[in-house]
C-alpha atoms as a PDB file:
ATOM      1  CA  MET A   1       2.873 -41.416 -31.613  1.00  0.00           C
ATOM      2  CA  THR A   2       2.100 -38.392 -29.683  1.00  0.00           C
ATOM      3  CA  ASN A   3       0.457 -35.119 -30.862  1.00  0.00           C
ATOM      4  CA  SER A   4       3.024 -32.227 -31.049  1.00  0.00           C
ATOM      5  CA  ARG A   5       2.305 -29.345 -28.601  1.00  0.00           C
ATOM      6  CA  LYS A   6       1.404 -27.284 -31.886  1.00  0.00           C
ATOM      7  CA  GLN A   7      -1.311 -29.804 -32.592  1.00  0.00           C
ATOM      8  CA  GLN A   8      -2.332 -30.137 -29.214  1.00  0.00           C
ATOM      9  CA  ILE A   9      -2.920 -26.526 -29.003  1.00  0.00           C
ATOM     10  CA  LEU A  10      -4.897 -26.557 -32.226  1.00  0.00           C
ATOM     11  CA  SER A  11      -7.232 -29.251 -30.904  1.00  0.00           C
ATOM     12  CA  LEU A  12      -8.108 -27.226 -27.831  1.00  0.00           C
ATOM     13  CA  LEU A  13      -8.600 -23.926 -29.935  1.00  0.00           C
ATOM     14  CA  GLU A  14     -11.256 -25.948 -31.982  1.00  0.00           C
ATOM     15  CA  ASN A  15     -13.463 -25.698 -28.591  1.00  0.00           C
ATOM     16  CA  ASP A  16     -12.310 -22.148 -27.638  1.00  0.00           C
ATOM     17  CA  PRO A  17     -10.968 -20.214 -30.662  1.00  0.00           C
ATOM     18  CA  ASN A  18     -11.015 -17.151 -28.408  1.00  0.00           C
ATOM     19  CA  ASP A  19      -8.692 -18.476 -25.791  1.00  0.00           C
ATOM     20  CA  THR A  20      -5.889 -15.809 -25.477  1.00  0.00           C
ATOM     21  CA  PHE A  21      -3.531 -17.964 -23.936  1.00  0.00           C
ATOM     22  CA  LEU A  22      -3.956 -21.064 -26.289  1.00  0.00           C
ATOM     23  CA  ARG A  23      -3.611 -18.195 -28.780  1.00  0.00           C
ATOM     24  CA  TYR A  24      -0.444 -17.119 -27.635  1.00  0.00           C
ATOM     25  CA  GLY A  25       0.786 -20.790 -27.160  1.00  0.00           C
ATOM     26  CA  LEU A  26       0.134 -21.033 -30.737  1.00  0.00           C
ATOM     27  CA  ALA A  27       2.190 -17.998 -31.728  1.00  0.00           C
ATOM     28  CA  MET A  28       4.961 -19.220 -29.622  1.00  0.00           C
ATOM     29  CA  GLU A  29       5.008 -22.737 -31.226  1.00  0.00           C
ATOM     30  CA  LEU A  30       4.877 -21.127 -34.835  1.00  0.00           C
ATOM     31  CA  ARG A  31       7.736 -18.915 -34.062  1.00  0.00           C
ATOM     32  CA  LYS A  32       9.880 -21.606 -32.551  1.00  0.00           C
ATOM     33  CA  GLU A  33       9.206 -23.880 -35.891  1.00  0.00           C
ATOM     34  CA  GLY A  34      10.341 -20.928 -37.844  1.00  0.00           C
ATOM     35  CA  SER A  35       6.936 -19.824 -39.293  1.00  0.00           C
ATOM     36  CA  HIS A  36       7.308 -16.390 -39.023  1.00  0.00           C
ATOM     37  CA  ALA A  37       4.523 -14.845 -40.869  1.00  0.00           C
ATOM     38  CA  GLU A  38       1.918 -17.315 -39.253  1.00  0.00           C
ATOM     39  CA  ALA A  39       3.373 -16.427 -35.884  1.00  0.00           C
ATOM     40  CA  ARG A  40       3.252 -12.878 -36.465  1.00  0.00           C
ATOM     41  CA  ALA A  41      -0.244 -13.129 -37.553  1.00  0.00           C
ATOM     42  CA  GLU A  42      -1.080 -14.664 -34.369  1.00  0.00           C
ATOM     43  CA  PHE A  43       0.761 -12.233 -32.261  1.00  0.00           C
ATOM     44  CA  GLU A  44      -1.239  -9.229 -34.196  1.00  0.00           C
ATOM     45  CA  LYS A  45      -4.579 -11.015 -33.358  1.00  0.00           C
ATOM     46  CA  LEU A  46      -3.754 -10.851 -29.893  1.00  0.00           C
ATOM     47  CA  MET A  47      -2.159  -7.277 -30.097  1.00  0.00           C
ATOM     48  CA  HIS A  48      -5.492  -5.967 -31.371  1.00  0.00           C
ATOM     49  CA  GLY A  49      -7.786  -8.020 -29.503  1.00  0.00           C
ATOM     50  CA  THR A  50      -9.706  -6.810 -26.462  1.00  0.00           C
ATOM     51  CA  PRO A  51      -8.031  -6.143 -24.200  1.00  0.00           C
ATOM     52  CA  PRO A  52      -4.715  -5.985 -26.244  1.00  0.00           C
ATOM     53  CA  TYR A  53      -2.489  -8.892 -25.104  1.00  0.00           C
ATOM     54  CA  VAL A  54       0.552  -7.001 -23.812  1.00  0.00           C
ATOM     55  CA  ALA A  55       3.177 -10.133 -24.100  1.00  0.00           C
ATOM     56  CA  ALA A  56       2.516 -10.644 -27.578  1.00  0.00           C
ATOM     57  CA  TRP A  57       3.793  -7.181 -28.394  1.00  0.00           C
ATOM     58  CA  PHE A  58       6.996  -7.974 -26.657  1.00  0.00           C
ATOM     59  CA  MET A  59       7.412 -11.407 -28.130  1.00  0.00           C
ATOM     60  CA  CYS A  60       6.520  -9.885 -31.623  1.00  0.00           C
ATOM     61  CA  GLY A  61       9.007  -7.106 -31.056  1.00  0.00           C
ATOM     62  CA  GLN A  62      11.686  -9.563 -30.175  1.00  0.00           C
ATOM     63  CA  MET A  63      10.843 -11.894 -32.999  1.00  0.00           C
ATOM     64  CA  LEU A  64      10.998  -9.243 -35.775  1.00  0.00           C
ATOM     65  CA  ALA A  65      14.585  -7.922 -34.190  1.00  0.00           C
ATOM     66  CA  GLU A  66      15.794 -11.639 -34.678  1.00  0.00           C
ATOM     67  CA  MET A  67      14.840 -11.600 -38.131  1.00  0.00           C
ATOM     68  CA  GLY A  68      16.381  -8.179 -38.754  1.00  0.00           C
ATOM     69  CA  GLU A  69      13.411  -6.312 -39.317  1.00  0.00           C
ATOM     70  CA  ILE A  70      14.629  -3.655 -37.351  1.00  0.00           C
ATOM     71  CA  GLU A  71      12.226  -0.733 -38.138  1.00  0.00           C
ATOM     72  CA  ASP A  72       9.048  -3.114 -37.757  1.00  0.00           C
ATOM     73  CA  SER A  73      10.446  -4.141 -34.531  1.00  0.00           C
ATOM     74  CA  ARG A  74      10.728  -0.741 -33.081  1.00  0.00           C
ATOM     75  CA  THR A  75       7.339   0.000 -34.082  1.00  0.00           C
ATOM     76  CA  VAL A  76       5.725  -2.766 -32.355  1.00  0.00           C
ATOM     77  CA  LEU A  77       7.844  -2.172 -29.356  1.00  0.00           C
ATOM     78  CA  ARG A  78       6.946   1.797 -29.039  1.00  0.00           C
ATOM     79  CA  GLU A  79       3.247   0.847 -29.600  1.00  0.00           C
ATOM     80  CA  GLY A  80       3.663  -2.241 -27.028  1.00  0.00           C
ATOM     81  CA  ILE A  81       5.008  -0.025 -24.248  1.00  0.00           C
ATOM     82  CA  GLU A  82       2.206   2.624 -24.701  1.00  0.00           C
ATOM     83  CA  ILE A  83      -0.262  -0.408 -24.341  1.00  0.00           C
ATOM     84  CA  ALA A  84       1.356  -1.758 -21.563  1.00  0.00           C
ATOM     85  CA  ARG A  85       1.425   1.734 -19.566  1.00  0.00           C
ATOM     86  CA  GLN A  86      -2.199   2.093 -20.521  1.00  0.00           C
ATOM     87  CA  GLN A  87      -2.815  -1.423 -18.838  1.00  0.00           C
ATOM     88  CA  GLY A  88      -0.628  -0.337 -15.773  1.00  0.00           C
ATOM     89  CA  ASP A  89       1.746  -3.061 -16.457  1.00  0.00           C
ATOM     90  CA  GLY A  90       5.317  -0.976 -15.821  1.00  0.00           C
ATOM     91  CA  HIS A  91       6.998  -4.666 -15.795  1.00  0.00           C
ATOM     92  CA  ALA A  92       6.346  -5.350 -19.512  1.00  0.00           C
ATOM     93  CA  ALA A  93       6.800  -1.627 -20.331  1.00  0.00           C
ATOM     94  CA  GLY A  94      10.360  -1.726 -18.908  1.00  0.00           C
ATOM     95  CA  GLU A  95      10.998  -5.092 -20.716  1.00  0.00           C
ATOM     96  CA  MET A  96       9.873  -3.529 -24.058  1.00  0.00           C
ATOM     97  CA  GLY A  97      12.058  -0.383 -23.364  1.00  0.00           C
ATOM     98  CA  GLU A  98      15.010  -2.482 -22.796  1.00  0.00           C
ATOM     99  CA  LEU A  99      14.616  -4.192 -25.960  1.00  0.00           C
ATOM    100  CA  LEU A 100      13.986  -1.033 -27.810  1.00  0.00           C
ATOM    101  CA  ALA A 101      17.145   0.651 -26.302  1.00  0.00           C
ATOM    102  CA  SER A 102      19.244  -2.481 -27.206  1.00  0.00           C
ATOM    103  CA  LEU A 103      18.304  -1.973 -30.675  1.00  0.00           C
ATOM    104  CA  GLY A 104      20.355   1.169 -30.966  1.00  0.00           C
ATOM    105  CA  SER A 105      21.006   2.027 -34.339  1.00  0.00           C
ATOM    106  CA  LEU A 106      20.710  -1.421 -35.963  1.00  0.00           C
ATOM    107  CA  GLY A 107      19.256  -1.247 -39.365  1.00  0.00           C
ATOM    108  CA  GLU A 108      19.729   2.261 -39.882  1.00  0.00           C
END
């Protein structure tokens, strides 16, 4: 029996709990399995880390939109756009801007 990807990531995190890439991978696996609250917590750790992990803002915003939490998604995306701009990541800011625009008047 092989270990699941999530189990492998958790095992690697035992050796390096601050590995940003592994934390992001864990958040993505949690999202994929439908553990949205746990995924959001992992994304938020990355979002508020030093430096903030820009991809986490986009993925968290996307997940929240898919869950119908439109206002929370908008908030995360707006903050993420600002963080991306501060880090000089125009591409990520643009992707988040497109997702934000696509939400339009949903949830209002």
